[in-house]
Amino acid sequence: MKKGKNYKYTDIQNFANDNDYRFEDFGVNLIGANFILLMNNQKDLTISFVLNGVGNEYIYECIYSDI
């Protein structure tokens, strides 16, 4: 997950499940007002996303990444 890149909601969920991250969803389902936070369960790693588009599913921009 790279800062500035867009990801589908399901891709973020799959990444979290496959890499031992806790998945937290904050805010309301409006562009700019919904955030996803991933925190690794084993290491001090954080990845954050903001909702920035809607297609066939929600699209999030990575706004912070420790990896």
C-alpha atoms as a PDB file:
ATOM      1  CA  MET A   1       0.000   0.000   0.000  1.00  0.00           C
ATOM      2  CA  LYS A   2       1.597   3.224  -1.194  1.00  0.00           C
ATOM      3  CA  LYS A   3       0.755   6.780  -0.158  1.00  0.00           C
ATOM      4  CA  GLY A   4      -1.103   8.658  -2.900  1.00  0.00           C
ATOM      5  CA  LYS A   5      -2.373   5.511  -4.636  1.00  0.00           C
ATOM      6  CA  ASN A   6      -6.075   4.540  -4.894  1.00  0.00           C
ATOM      7  CA  TYR A   7      -7.431   1.195  -3.704  1.00  0.00           C
ATOM      8  CA  LYS A   8     -10.820  -0.522  -3.798  1.00  0.00           C
ATOM      9  CA  TYR A   9     -12.540  -1.196  -0.472  1.00  0.00           C
ATOM     10  CA  THR A  10     -12.337  -4.977  -0.962  1.00  0.00           C
ATOM     11  CA  ASP A  11      -8.630  -4.787  -1.854  1.00  0.00           C
ATOM     12  CA  ILE A  12      -7.949  -2.986   1.434  1.00  0.00           C
ATOM     13  CA  GLN A  13      -9.965  -5.580   3.366  1.00  0.00           C
ATOM     14  CA  ASN A  14      -8.133  -8.447   1.664  1.00  0.00           C
ATOM     15  CA  PHE A  15      -4.736  -6.848   2.352  1.00  0.00           C
ATOM     16  CA  ALA A  16      -5.667  -6.451   6.033  1.00  0.00           C
ATOM     17  CA  ASN A  17      -6.812 -10.071   6.343  1.00  0.00           C
ATOM     18  CA  ASP A  18      -3.809 -11.490   4.482  1.00  0.00           C
ATOM     19  CA  ASN A  19      -1.211  -9.433   6.402  1.00  0.00           C
ATOM     20  CA  ASP A  20      -2.520  -9.495   9.994  1.00  0.00           C
ATOM     21  CA  TYR A  21      -3.851  -5.922  10.171  1.00  0.00           C
ATOM     22  CA  ARG A  22      -6.776  -4.743  12.267  1.00  0.00           C
ATOM     23  CA  PHE A  23      -9.345  -3.015   9.986  1.00  0.00           C
ATOM     24  CA  GLU A  24     -11.242  -0.003  11.369  1.00  0.00           C
ATOM     25  CA  ASP A  25     -13.770   2.121   9.459  1.00  0.00           C
ATOM     26  CA  PHE A  26     -14.597   5.677  10.658  1.00  0.00           C
ATOM     27  CA  GLY A  27     -16.994   8.437   9.600  1.00  0.00           C
ATOM     28  CA  VAL A  28     -19.932   8.484   7.231  1.00  0.00           C
ATOM     29  CA  ASN A  29     -20.039   7.140   3.671  1.00  0.00           C
ATOM     30  CA  LEU A  30     -19.334  10.471   1.982  1.00  0.00           C
ATOM     31  CA  ILE A  31     -16.304  11.369  -0.092  1.00  0.00           C
ATOM     32  CA  GLY A  32     -13.786  13.021   2.198  1.00  0.00           C
ATOM     33  CA  ALA A  33     -15.689  11.995   5.339  1.00  0.00           C
ATOM     34  CA  ASN A  34     -14.977   8.249   5.549  1.00  0.00           C
ATOM     35  CA  PHE A  35     -11.645   6.849   6.697  1.00  0.00           C
ATOM     36  CA  ILE A  36     -10.076   3.420   7.021  1.00  0.00           C
ATOM     37  CA  LEU A  37      -7.295   2.693   9.472  1.00  0.00           C
ATOM     38  CA  LEU A  38      -5.172  -0.443   9.306  1.00  0.00           C
ATOM     39  CA  MET A  39      -2.958  -1.302  12.275  1.00  0.00           C
ATOM     40  CA  ASN A  40      -0.685  -4.329  12.221  1.00  0.00           C
ATOM     41  CA  ASN A  41      -1.293  -6.793  15.065  1.00  0.00           C
ATOM     42  CA  GLN A  42       2.388  -7.792  15.376  1.00  0.00           C
ATOM     43  CA  LYS A  43       4.421  -4.698  14.420  1.00  0.00           C
ATOM     44  CA  ASP A  44       4.130  -0.934  14.872  1.00  0.00           C
ATOM     45  CA  LEU A  45       2.786  -0.310  11.348  1.00  0.00           C
ATOM     46  CA  THR A  46      -0.126   1.911  10.349  1.00  0.00           C
ATOM     47  CA  ILE A  47      -1.844   2.594   7.010  1.00  0.00           C
ATOM     48  CA  SER A  48      -4.616   5.202   6.592  1.00  0.00           C
ATOM     49  CA  PHE A  49      -7.096   5.861   3.778  1.00  0.00           C
ATOM     50  CA  VAL A  50      -9.738   8.459   2.902  1.00  0.00           C
ATOM     51  CA  LEU A  51     -12.752   7.842   0.666  1.00  0.00           C
ATOM     52  CA  ASN A  52     -12.236   9.767  -2.578  1.00  0.00           C
ATOM     53  CA  GLY A  53     -14.458   8.110  -5.158  1.00  0.00           C
ATOM     54  CA  VAL A  54     -17.246   5.710  -5.964  1.00  0.00           C
ATOM     55  CA  GLY A  55     -17.379   3.334  -8.908  1.00  0.00           C
ATOM     56  CA  ASN A  56     -18.704  -0.193  -8.718  1.00  0.00           C
ATOM     57  CA  GLU A  57     -17.397   0.011  -5.115  1.00  0.00           C
ATOM     58  CA  TYR A  58     -15.859   2.635  -2.838  1.00  0.00           C
ATOM     59  CA  ILE A  59     -12.379   3.899  -3.790  1.00  0.00           C
ATOM     60  CA  TYR A  60      -9.945   5.064  -1.105  1.00  0.00           C
ATOM     61  CA  GLU A  61      -6.709   7.021  -1.386  1.00  0.00           C
ATOM     62  CA  CYS A  62      -3.846   5.942   0.850  1.00  0.00           C
ATOM     63  CA  ILE A  63      -2.931   9.053   2.857  1.00  0.00           C
ATOM     64  CA  TYR A  64      -0.342   7.490   5.200  1.00  0.00           C
ATOM     65  CA  SER A  65       1.733   4.307   5.152  1.00  0.00           C
ATOM     66  CA  ASP A  66       4.524   2.988   7.357  1.00  0.00           C
ATOM     67  CA  ILE A  67       5.436   0.357   4.764  1.00  0.00           C
END
